[in-house]
Amino acid sequence: VRLNLVLVPALAIAFYLFADRLPLILLPLGVGYLTFAVLISLAWGL
């Protein structure tokens, strides 16, 4: 969770900035990882 406090915003910004240059396969993988990390962090925090 502590690692993802830094990694999730960095990945979200990178995906936003480079969305048109990333291969299409990275989009669902990135969104899946971000969703997983947010849900695990939310469950841990609660």
All heavy atoms as atom14 arrays in JSON, in Angstrom:
{
  "sequence": "VRLNLVLVPALAIAFYLFADRLPLILLPLGVGYLTFAVLISLAWGL",
  "atom14_mask": [
    [1, 1, 1, 1, 1, 1, 1, 0, 0, 0, 0, 0, 0, 0],
    [1, 1, 1, 1, 1, 1, 1, 1, 1, 1, 1, 0, 0, 0],
    [1, 1, 1, 1, 1, 1, 1, 1, 0, 0, 0, 0, 0, 0],
    [1, 1, 1, 1, 1, 1, 1, 1, 0, 0, 0, 0, 0, 0],
    [1, 1, 1, 1, 1, 1, 1, 1, 0, 0, 0, 0, 0, 0],
    [1, 1, 1, 1, 1, 1, 1, 0, 0, 0, 0, 0, 0, 0],
    [1, 1, 1, 1, 1, 1, 1, 1, 0, 0, 0, 0, 0, 0],
    [1, 1, 1, 1, 1, 1, 1, 0, 0, 0, 0, 0, 0, 0],
    [1, 1, 1, 1, 1, 1, 1, 0, 0, 0, 0, 0, 0, 0],
    [1, 1, 1, 1, 1, 0, 0, 0, 0, 0, 0, 0, 0, 0],
    [1, 1, 1, 1, 1, 1, 1, 1, 0, 0, 0, 0, 0, 0],
    [1, 1, 1, 1, 1, 0, 0, 0, 0, 0, 0, 0, 0, 0],
    [1, 1, 1, 1, 1, 1, 1, 1, 0, 0, 0, 0, 0, 0],
    [1, 1, 1, 1, 1, 0, 0, 0, 0, 0, 0, 0, 0, 0],
    [1, 1, 1, 1, 1, 1, 1, 1, 1, 1, 1, 0, 0, 0],
    [1, 1, 1, 1, 1, 1, 1, 1, 1, 1, 1, 1, 0, 0],
    [1, 1, 1, 1, 1, 1, 1, 1, 0, 0, 0, 0, 0, 0],
    [1, 1, 1, 1, 1, 1, 1, 1, 1, 1, 1, 0, 0, 0],
    [1, 1, 1, 1, 1, 0, 0, 0, 0, 0, 0, 0, 0, 0],
    [1, 1, 1, 1, 1, 1, 1, 1, 0, 0, 0, 0, 0, 0],
    [1, 1, 1, 1, 1, 1, 1, 1, 1, 1, 1, 0, 0, 0],
    [1, 1, 1, 1, 1, 1, 1, 1, 0, 0, 0, 0, 0, 0],
    [1, 1, 1, 1, 1, 1, 1, 0, 0, 0, 0, 0, 0, 0],
    [1, 1, 1, 1, 1, 1, 1, 1, 0, 0, 0, 0, 0, 0],
    [1, 1, 1, 1, 1, 1, 1, 1, 0, 0, 0, 0, 0, 0],
    [1, 1, 1, 1, 1, 1, 1, 1, 0, 0, 0, 0, 0, 0],
    [1, 1, 1, 1, 1, 1, 1, 1, 0, 0, 0, 0, 0, 0],
    [1, 1, 1, 1, 1, 1, 1, 0, 0, 0, 0, 0, 0, 0],
    [1, 1, 1, 1, 1, 1, 1, 1, 0, 0, 0, 0, 0, 0],
    [1, 1, 1, 1, 0, 0, 0, 0, 0, 0, 0, 0, 0, 0],
    [1, 1, 1, 1, 1, 1, 1, 0, 0, 0, 0, 0, 0, 0],
    [1, 1, 1, 1, 0, 0, 0, 0, 0, 0, 0, 0, 0, 0],
    [1, 1, 1, 1, 1, 1, 1, 1, 1, 1, 1, 1, 0, 0],
    [1, 1, 1, 1, 1, 1, 1, 1, 0, 0, 0, 0, 0, 0],
    [1, 1, 1, 1, 1, 1, 1, 0, 0, 0, 0, 0, 0, 0],
    [1, 1, 1, 1, 1, 1, 1, 1, 1, 1, 1, 0, 0, 0],
    [1, 1, 1, 1, 1, 0, 0, 0, 0, 0, 0, 0, 0, 0],
    [1, 1, 1, 1, 1, 1, 1, 0, 0, 0, 0, 0, 0, 0],
    [1, 1, 1, 1, 1, 1, 1, 1, 0, 0, 0, 0, 0, 0],
    [1, 1, 1, 1, 1, 1, 1, 1, 0, 0, 0, 0, 0, 0],
    [1, 1, 1, 1, 1, 1, 0, 0, 0, 0, 0, 0, 0, 0],
    [1, 1, 1, 1, 1, 1, 1, 1, 0, 0, 0, 0, 0, 0],
    [1, 1, 1, 1, 1, 0, 0, 0, 0, 0, 0, 0, 0, 0],
    [1, 1, 1, 1, 1, 1, 1, 1, 1, 1, 1, 1, 1, 1],
    [1, 1, 1, 1, 0, 0, 0, 0, 0, 0, 0, 0, 0, 0],
    [1, 1, 1, 1, 1, 1, 1, 1, 0, 0, 0, 0, 0, 0]
  ],
  "atom14_positions": [
    [[0.84, -1.21, 0.0], [0.0, 0.0, 0.0], [0.86, 1.25, 0.0], [0.6, 2.19, -0.74], [-0.96, -0.03, 1.21], [-1.65, 1.31, 1.38], [-1.99, -1.13, 1.04], [0.0, 0.0, 0.0], [0.0, 0.0, 0.0], [0.0, 0.0, 0.0], [0.0, 0.0, 0.0], [0.0, 0.0, 0.0], [0.0, 0.0, 0.0], [0.0, 0.0, 0.0]],
    [[1.91, 1.26, 0.81], [2.78, 2.44, 0.86], [3.5, 2.67, -0.48], [3.65, 3.81, -0.91], [3.78, 2.32, 1.99], [3.14, 2.41, 3.34], [4.16, 2.43, 4.45], [3.53, 2.31, 5.74], [3.01, 3.32, 6.42], [3.03, 4.52, 5.91], [2.47, 3.12, 7.6], [0.0, 0.0, 0.0], [0.0, 0.0, 0.0], [0.0, 0.0, 0.0]],
    [[3.91, 1.6, -1.13], [4.54, 1.72, -2.44], [3.56, 2.28, -3.45], [3.9, 3.13, -4.28], [5.05, 0.35, -2.91], [5.59, 0.28, -4.33], [6.9, 1.06, -4.43], [5.8, -1.16, -4.72], [0.0, 0.0, 0.0], [0.0, 0.0, 0.0], [0.0, 0.0, 0.0], [0.0, 0.0, 0.0], [0.0, 0.0, 0.0], [0.0, 0.0, 0.0]],
    [[2.32, 1.85, -3.38], [1.31, 2.3, -4.34], [0.85, 3.73, -4.09], [0.25, 4.33, -4.98], [0.13, 1.34, -4.35], [0.43, 0.12, -5.17], [0.86, 0.24, -6.3], [0.24, -1.04, -4.59], [0.0, 0.0, 0.0], [0.0, 0.0, 0.0], [0.0, 0.0, 0.0], [0.0, 0.0, 0.0], [0.0, 0.0, 0.0], [0.0, 0.0, 0.0]],
    [[1.11, 4.28, -2.91], [0.8, 5.69, -2.69], [1.61, 6.58, -3.62], [1.19, 7.67, -3.97], [1.06, 6.07, -1.23], [0.08, 5.53, -0.21], [0.52, 5.9, 1.2], [-1.32, 6.04, -0.48], [0.0, 0.0, 0.0], [0.0, 0.0, 0.0], [0.0, 0.0, 0.0], [0.0, 0.0, 0.0], [0.0, 0.0, 0.0], [0.0, 0.0, 0.0]],
    [[2.77, 6.1, -4.03], [3.62, 6.84, -4.97], [3.41, 6.33, -6.39], [3.31, 7.1, -7.34], [5.1, 6.7, -4.57], [6.01, 7.34, -5.6], [5.33, 7.29, -3.2], [0.0, 0.0, 0.0], [0.0, 0.0, 0.0], [0.0, 0.0, 0.0], [0.0, 0.0, 0.0], [0.0, 0.0, 0.0], [0.0, 0.0, 0.0], [0.0, 0.0, 0.0]],
    [[3.3, 5.0, -6.53], [3.27, 4.39, -7.85], [1.96, 4.64, -8.6], [1.98, 4.9, -9.81], [3.5, 2.88, -7.71], [3.76, 2.1, -8.97], [5.02, 2.62, -9.66], [3.92, 0.63, -8.65], [0.0, 0.0, 0.0], [0.0, 0.0, 0.0], [0.0, 0.0, 0.0], [0.0, 0.0, 0.0], [0.0, 0.0, 0.0], [0.0, 0.0, 0.0]],
    [[0.84, 4.58, -7.93], [-0.46, 4.74, -8.6], [-0.62, 6.13, -9.23], [-0.98, 6.22, -10.4], [-1.63, 4.38, -7.66], [-2.96, 4.85, -8.2], [-1.66, 2.88, -7.41], [0.0, 0.0, 0.0], [0.0, 0.0, 0.0], [0.0, 0.0, 0.0], [0.0, 0.0, 0.0], [0.0, 0.0, 0.0], [0.0, 0.0, 0.0], [0.0, 0.0, 0.0]],
    [[-0.36, 7.21, -8.5], [-0.47, 8.53, -9.17], [0.53, 8.69, -10.33], [0.18, 9.26, -11.36], [-0.18, 9.54, -8.06], [-0.46, 8.82, -6.8], [-0.14, 7.39, -7.06], [0.0, 0.0, 0.0], [0.0, 0.0, 0.0], [0.0, 0.0, 0.0], [0.0, 0.0, 0.0], [0.0, 0.0, 0.0], [0.0, 0.0, 0.0], [0.0, 0.0, 0.0]],
    [[1.74, 8.15, -10.16], [2.74, 8.25, -11.23], [2.28, 7.49, -12.47], [2.41, 7.98, -13.59], [4.08, 7.73, -10.73], [0.0, 0.0, 0.0], [0.0, 0.0, 0.0], [0.0, 0.0, 0.0], [0.0, 0.0, 0.0], [0.0, 0.0, 0.0], [0.0, 0.0, 0.0], [0.0, 0.0, 0.0], [0.0, 0.0, 0.0], [0.0, 0.0, 0.0]],
    [[1.73, 6.29, -12.29], [1.23, 5.52, -13.42], [0.03, 6.19, -14.07], [-0.09, 6.2, -15.3], [0.86, 4.11, -12.98], [2.02, 3.15, -12.76], [1.5, 1.84, -12.2], [2.77, 2.91, -14.04], [0.0, 0.0, 0.0], [0.0, 0.0, 0.0], [0.0, 0.0, 0.0], [0.0, 0.0, 0.0], [0.0, 0.0, 0.0], [0.0, 0.0, 0.0]],
    [[-0.85, 6.73, -13.27], [-2.04, 7.39, -13.82], [-1.64, 8.6, -14.66], [-2.17, 8.81, -15.76], [-2.98, 7.8, -12.69], [0.0, 0.0, 0.0], [0.0, 0.0, 0.0], [0.0, 0.0, 0.0], [0.0, 0.0, 0.0], [0.0, 0.0, 0.0], [0.0, 0.0, 0.0], [0.0, 0.0, 0.0], [0.0, 0.0, 0.0], [0.0, 0.0, 0.0]],
    [[-0.69, 9.38, -14.18], [-0.22, 10.54, -14.93], [0.49, 10.11, -16.21], [0.28, 10.68, -17.29], [0.69, 11.43, -14.06], [-0.14, 12.1, -12.97], [1.42, 12.46, -14.89], [0.67, 12.79, -11.91], [0.0, 0.0, 0.0], [0.0, 0.0, 0.0], [0.0, 0.0, 0.0], [0.0, 0.0, 0.0], [0.0, 0.0, 0.0], [0.0, 0.0, 0.0]],
    [[1.32, 9.06, -16.11], [2.04, 8.56, -17.29], [1.06, 8.04, -18.34], [1.23, 8.3, -19.53], [3.01, 7.47, -16.88], [0.0, 0.0, 0.0], [0.0, 0.0, 0.0], [0.0, 0.0, 0.0], [0.0, 0.0, 0.0], [0.0, 0.0, 0.0], [0.0, 0.0, 0.0], [0.0, 0.0, 0.0], [0.0, 0.0, 0.0], [0.0, 0.0, 0.0]],
    [[0.03, 7.29, -17.91], [-0.95, 6.8, -18.87], [-1.72, 7.95, -19.51], [-2.04, 7.91, -20.69], [-1.94, 5.84, -18.19], [-1.48, 4.42, -18.19], [-1.13, 3.79, -17.01], [-1.4, 3.71, -19.37], [-0.7, 2.48, -17.01], [-0.98, 2.4, -19.39], [-0.62, 1.78, -18.2], [0.0, 0.0, 0.0], [0.0, 0.0, 0.0], [0.0, 0.0, 0.0]],
    [[-1.99, 9.0, -18.73], [-2.71, 10.14, -19.29], [-1.85, 10.89, -20.32], [-2.32, 11.25, -21.39], [-3.13, 11.08, -18.17], [-3.84, 12.31, -18.66], [-5.15, 12.24, -19.11], [-3.2, 13.55, -18.69], [-5.81, 13.37, -19.59], [-3.85, 14.67, -19.16], [-5.14, 14.58, -19.6], [-5.78, 15.69, -20.07], [0.0, 0.0, 0.0], [0.0, 0.0, 0.0]],
    [[-0.59, 11.1, -19.97], [0.29, 11.87, -20.85], [0.69, 11.11, -22.11], [0.84, 11.7, -23.18], [1.54, 12.3, -20.09], [1.32, 13.32, -18.98], [2.62, 13.59, -18.25], [0.74, 14.61, -19.53], [0.0, 0.0, 0.0], [0.0, 0.0, 0.0], [0.0, 0.0, 0.0], [0.0, 0.0, 0.0], [0.0, 0.0, 0.0], [0.0, 0.0, 0.0]],
    [[0.9, 9.79, -21.99], [1.41, 9.01, -23.11], [0.37, 8.04, -23.68], [0.74, 7.04, -24.31], [2.65, 8.23, -22.68], [3.76, 9.12, -22.2], [4.15, 9.1, -20.87], [4.4, 9.98, -23.06], [5.17, 9.92, -20.42], [5.41, 10.8, -22.62], [5.8, 10.78, -21.29], [0.0, 0.0, 0.0], [0.0, 0.0, 0.0], [0.0, 0.0, 0.0]],
    [[-0.89, 8.31, -23.51], [-1.95, 7.38, -23.93], [-1.91, 7.13, -25.43], [-2.15, 6.0, -25.88], [-3.3, 7.93, -23.52], [0.0, 0.0, 0.0], [0.0, 0.0, 0.0], [0.0, 0.0, 0.0], [0.0, 0.0, 0.0], [0.0, 0.0, 0.0], [0.0, 0.0, 0.0], [0.0, 0.0, 0.0], [0.0, 0.0, 0.0], [0.0, 0.0, 0.0]],
    [[-1.6, 8.12, -26.22], [-1.6, 7.92, -27.67], [-0.34, 7.21, -28.16], [-0.33, 6.69, -29.28], [-1.75, 9.26, -28.39], [-0.72, 10.28, -27.96], [-0.14, 10.11, -26.88], [-0.49, 11.25, -28.72], [0.0, 0.0, 0.0], [0.0, 0.0, 0.0], [0.0, 0.0, 0.0], [0.0, 0.0, 0.0], [0.0, 0.0, 0.0], [0.0, 0.0, 0.0]],
    [[0.7, 7.12, -27.35], [1.95, 6.47, -27.77], [2.13, 5.07, -27.2], [3.05, 4.37, -27.58], [3.14, 7.32, -27.34], [3.17, 8.66, -28.05], [4.39, 9.45, -27.67], [4.07, 10.86, -27.81], [4.16, 11.73, -26.85], [4.56, 11.38, -25.67], [3.83, 12.99, -27.06], [0.0, 0.0, 0.0], [0.0, 0.0, 0.0], [0.0, 0.0, 0.0]],
    [[1.29, 4.68, -26.23], [1.43, 3.36, -25.61], [0.77, 2.28, -26.47], [-0.25, 2.54, -27.11], [0.76, 3.37, -24.23], [1.43, 4.21, -23.16], [0.57, 4.24, -21.92], [2.8, 3.68, -22.84], [0.0, 0.0, 0.0], [0.0, 0.0, 0.0], [0.0, 0.0, 0.0], [0.0, 0.0, 0.0], [0.0, 0.0, 0.0], [0.0, 0.0, 0.0]],
    [[1.34, 1.09, -26.48], [0.67, -0.01, -27.18], [-0.69, -0.29, -26.54], [-0.87, -0.12, -25.33], [1.61, -1.2, -26.99], [2.91, -0.62, -26.58], [2.62, 0.7, -25.93], [0.0, 0.0, 0.0], [0.0, 0.0, 0.0], [0.0, 0.0, 0.0], [0.0, 0.0, 0.0], [0.0, 0.0, 0.0], [0.0, 0.0, 0.0], [0.0, 0.0, 0.0]],
    [[-1.63, -0.71, -27.35], [-2.99, -0.92, -26.88], [-3.08, -1.95, -25.77], [-3.94, -1.84, -24.89], [-3.88, -1.32, -28.05], [-5.37, -1.41, -27.78], [-5.89, -0.07, -27.29], [-6.11, -1.85, -29.02], [0.0, 0.0, 0.0], [0.0, 0.0, 0.0], [0.0, 0.0, 0.0], [0.0, 0.0, 0.0], [0.0, 0.0, 0.0], [0.0, 0.0, 0.0]],
    [[-2.21, -2.95, -25.76], [-2.26, -4.0, -24.74], [-1.96, -3.44, -23.34], [-2.42, -3.99, -22.34], [-1.31, -5.17, -25.09], [-1.52, -6.37, -24.17], [0.14, -4.73, -25.01], [-2.84, -7.04, -24.36], [0.0, 0.0, 0.0], [0.0, 0.0, 0.0], [0.0, 0.0, 0.0], [0.0, 0.0, 0.0], [0.0, 0.0, 0.0], [0.0, 0.0, 0.0]],
    [[-1.21, -2.36, -23.25], [-0.88, -1.8, -21.94], [-2.06, -1.1, -21.28], [-2.09, -0.98, -20.06], [0.29, -0.82, -22.06], [1.65, -1.44, -22.32], [2.71, -0.36, -22.38], [2.0, -2.47, -21.28], [0.0, 0.0, 0.0], [0.0, 0.0, 0.0], [0.0, 0.0, 0.0], [0.0, 0.0, 0.0], [0.0, 0.0, 0.0], [0.0, 0.0, 0.0]],
    [[-3.01, -0.65, -22.05], [-4.15, 0.07, -21.48], [-4.97, -0.81, -20.53], [-5.14, -0.44, -19.36], [-5.02, 0.66, -22.57], [-6.2, 1.49, -22.08], [-5.71, 2.7, -21.31], [-7.07, 1.91, -23.23], [0.0, 0.0, 0.0], [0.0, 0.0, 0.0], [0.0, 0.0, 0.0], [0.0, 0.0, 0.0], [0.0, 0.0, 0.0], [0.0, 0.0, 0.0]],
    [[-5.46, -1.98, -20.95], [-6.23, -2.79, -19.99], [-5.38, -3.32, -18.85], [-5.86, -3.45, -17.72], [-6.79, -3.93, -20.83], [-6.14, -3.87, -22.13], [-5.5, -2.54, -22.28], [0.0, 0.0, 0.0], [0.0, 0.0, 0.0], [0.0, 0.0, 0.0], [0.0, 0.0, 0.0], [0.0, 0.0, 0.0], [0.0, 0.0, 0.0], [0.0, 0.0, 0.0]],
    [[-4.1, -3.61, -19.11], [-3.22, -4.07, -18.03], [-3.0, -2.96, -17.0], [-3.03, -3.19, -15.8], [-1.88, -4.54, -18.6], [-1.92, -5.79, -19.45], [-0.55, -6.06, -20.04], [-2.41, -6.97, -18.64], [0.0, 0.0, 0.0], [0.0, 0.0, 0.0], [0.0, 0.0, 0.0], [0.0, 0.0, 0.0], [0.0, 0.0, 0.0], [0.0, 0.0, 0.0]],
    [[-2.78, -1.76, -17.48], [-2.57, -0.62, -16.57], [-3.83, -0.29, -15.78], [-3.77, -0.05, -14.57], [0.0, 0.0, 0.0], [0.0, 0.0, 0.0], [0.0, 0.0, 0.0], [0.0, 0.0, 0.0], [0.0, 0.0, 0.0], [0.0, 0.0, 0.0], [0.0, 0.0, 0.0], [0.0, 0.0, 0.0], [0.0, 0.0, 0.0], [0.0, 0.0, 0.0]],
    [[-4.95, -0.28, -16.45], [-6.22, 0.01, -15.76], [-6.53, -1.09, -14.75], [-6.98, -0.81, -13.63], [-7.36, 0.18, -16.78], [-8.7, 0.23, -16.09], [-7.14, 1.43, -17.62], [0.0, 0.0, 0.0], [0.0, 0.0, 0.0], [0.0, 0.0, 0.0], [0.0, 0.0, 0.0], [0.0, 0.0, 0.0], [0.0, 0.0, 0.0], [0.0, 0.0, 0.0]],
    [[-6.25, -2.33, -15.11], [-6.46, -3.44, -14.18], [-5.58, -3.32, -12.94], [-6.04, -3.53, -11.82], [0.0, 0.0, 0.0], [0.0, 0.0, 0.0], [0.0, 0.0, 0.0], [0.0, 0.0, 0.0], [0.0, 0.0, 0.0], [0.0, 0.0, 0.0], [0.0, 0.0, 0.0], [0.0, 0.0, 0.0], [0.0, 0.0, 0.0], [0.0, 0.0, 0.0]],
    [[-4.3, -2.99, -13.15], [-3.41, -2.83, -12.01], [-3.83, -1.67, -11.12], [-3.83, -1.78, -9.9], [-1.95, -2.63, -12.46], [-1.04, -2.42, -11.29], [-0.63, -3.5, -10.52], [-0.61, -1.15, -10.9], [0.18, -3.33, -9.42], [0.19, -0.97, -9.81], [0.59, -2.06, -9.07], [1.37, -1.87, -7.97], [0.0, 0.0, 0.0], [0.0, 0.0, 0.0]],
    [[-4.17, -0.55, -11.74], [-4.6, 0.61, -10.95], [-5.86, 0.29, -10.15], [-5.96, 0.65, -8.97], [-4.84, 1.81, -11.86], [-3.59, 2.41, -12.5], [-3.99, 3.52, -13.47], [-2.63, 2.93, -11.46], [0.0, 0.0, 0.0], [0.0, 0.0, 0.0], [0.0, 0.0, 0.0], [0.0, 0.0, 0.0], [0.0, 0.0, 0.0], [0.0, 0.0, 0.0]],
    [[-6.81, -0.41, -10.75], [-8.03, -0.8, -10.05], [-7.71, -1.73, -8.89], [-8.21, -1.55, -7.77], [-9.01, -1.47, -11.02], [-9.27, -0.57, -12.09], [-10.31, -1.83, -10.33], [0.0, 0.0, 0.0], [0.0, 0.0, 0.0], [0.0, 0.0, 0.0], [0.0, 0.0, 0.0], [0.0, 0.0, 0.0], [0.0, 0.0, 0.0], [0.0, 0.0, 0.0]],
    [[-6.88, -2.74, -9.14], [-6.49, -3.67, -8.09], [-5.79, -2.96, -6.94], [-6.11, -3.18, -5.76], [-5.56, -4.75, -8.69], [-4.96, -5.66, -7.67], [-5.72, -6.66, -7.08], [-3.64, -5.52, -7.3], [-5.17, -7.5, -6.14], [-3.07, -6.36, -6.37], [-3.84, -7.36, -5.79], [0.0, 0.0, 0.0], [0.0, 0.0, 0.0], [0.0, 0.0, 0.0]],
    [[-4.85, -2.09, -7.25], [-4.09, -1.39, -6.22], [-4.99, -0.47, -5.39], [-4.86, -0.4, -4.17], [-2.96, -0.58, -6.85], [0.0, 0.0, 0.0], [0.0, 0.0, 0.0], [0.0, 0.0, 0.0], [0.0, 0.0, 0.0], [0.0, 0.0, 0.0], [0.0, 0.0, 0.0], [0.0, 0.0, 0.0], [0.0, 0.0, 0.0], [0.0, 0.0, 0.0]],
    [[-5.91, 0.21, -6.04], [-6.81, 1.11, -5.32], [-7.75, 0.3, -4.41], [-7.97, 0.68, -3.25], [-7.61, 1.99, -6.3], [-8.76, 2.68, -5.61], [-6.68, 3.02, -6.94], [0.0, 0.0, 0.0], [0.0, 0.0, 0.0], [0.0, 0.0, 0.0], [0.0, 0.0, 0.0], [0.0, 0.0, 0.0], [0.0, 0.0, 0.0], [0.0, 0.0, 0.0]],
    [[-8.27, -0.81, -4.9], [-9.18, -1.62, -4.08], [-8.46, -2.24, -2.88], [-8.99, -2.24, -1.77], [-9.83, -2.71, -4.92], [-10.88, -2.22, -5.92], [-11.37, -3.38, -6.77], [-12.03, -1.55, -5.21], [0.0, 0.0, 0.0], [0.0, 0.0, 0.0], [0.0, 0.0, 0.0], [0.0, 0.0, 0.0], [0.0, 0.0, 0.0], [0.0, 0.0, 0.0]],
    [[-7.25, -2.76, -3.09], [-6.48, -3.33, -1.98], [-6.13, -2.25, -0.96], [-6.24, -2.45, 0.25], [-5.2, -4.02, -2.5], [-5.57, -5.24, -3.32], [-4.26, -4.39, -1.37], [-6.23, -6.35, -2.54], [0.0, 0.0, 0.0], [0.0, 0.0, 0.0], [0.0, 0.0, 0.0], [0.0, 0.0, 0.0], [0.0, 0.0, 0.0], [0.0, 0.0, 0.0]],
    [[-5.73, -1.08, -1.43], [-5.38, 0.01, -0.53], [-6.6, 0.49, 0.26], [-6.5, 0.77, 1.45], [-4.78, 1.18, -1.31], [-3.62, 0.77, -1.98], [0.0, 0.0, 0.0], [0.0, 0.0, 0.0], [0.0, 0.0, 0.0], [0.0, 0.0, 0.0], [0.0, 0.0, 0.0], [0.0, 0.0, 0.0], [0.0, 0.0, 0.0], [0.0, 0.0, 0.0]],
    [[-7.74, 0.57, -0.41], [-8.96, 0.99, 0.27], [-9.36, -0.04, 1.33], [-9.71, 0.34, 2.46], [-10.08, 1.17, -0.75], [-11.43, 1.64, -0.2], [-11.3, 3.03, 0.4], [-12.48, 1.62, -1.28], [0.0, 0.0, 0.0], [0.0, 0.0, 0.0], [0.0, 0.0, 0.0], [0.0, 0.0, 0.0], [0.0, 0.0, 0.0], [0.0, 0.0, 0.0]],
    [[-9.3, -1.31, 1.0], [-9.65, -2.36, 1.97], [-8.69, -2.34, 3.15], [-9.12, -2.46, 4.31], [-9.62, -3.72, 1.29], [0.0, 0.0, 0.0], [0.0, 0.0, 0.0], [0.0, 0.0, 0.0], [0.0, 0.0, 0.0], [0.0, 0.0, 0.0], [0.0, 0.0, 0.0], [0.0, 0.0, 0.0], [0.0, 0.0, 0.0], [0.0, 0.0, 0.0]],
    [[-7.41, -2.16, 2.9], [-6.42, -2.1, 3.99], [-6.67, -0.88, 4.87], [-6.65, -0.98, 6.09], [-5.01, -2.05, 3.4], [-3.95, -1.92, 4.43], [-3.43, -2.92, 5.22], [-3.26, -0.72, 4.81], [-2.49, -2.4, 6.05], [-2.35, -1.06, 5.82], [-3.34, 0.6, 4.39], [-1.52, -0.12, 6.42], [-2.52, 1.53, 4.98], [-1.63, 1.18, 5.98]],
    [[-6.94, 0.27, 4.25], [-7.18, 1.48, 5.02], [-8.44, 1.38, 5.87], [-8.45, 1.8, 7.03], [0.0, 0.0, 0.0], [0.0, 0.0, 0.0], [0.0, 0.0, 0.0], [0.0, 0.0, 0.0], [0.0, 0.0, 0.0], [0.0, 0.0, 0.0], [0.0, 0.0, 0.0], [0.0, 0.0, 0.0], [0.0, 0.0, 0.0], [0.0, 0.0, 0.0]],
    [[-9.51, 0.83, 5.32], [-10.74, 0.67, 6.09], [-10.56, -0.34, 7.22], [-11.13, -0.17, 8.31], [-11.88, 0.25, 5.17], [-12.37, 1.32, 4.21], [-13.43, 0.74, 3.26], [-12.92, 2.52, 4.94], [0.0, 0.0, 0.0], [0.0, 0.0, 0.0], [0.0, 0.0, 0.0], [0.0, 0.0, 0.0], [0.0, 0.0, 0.0], [0.0, 0.0, 0.0]]
  ]
}
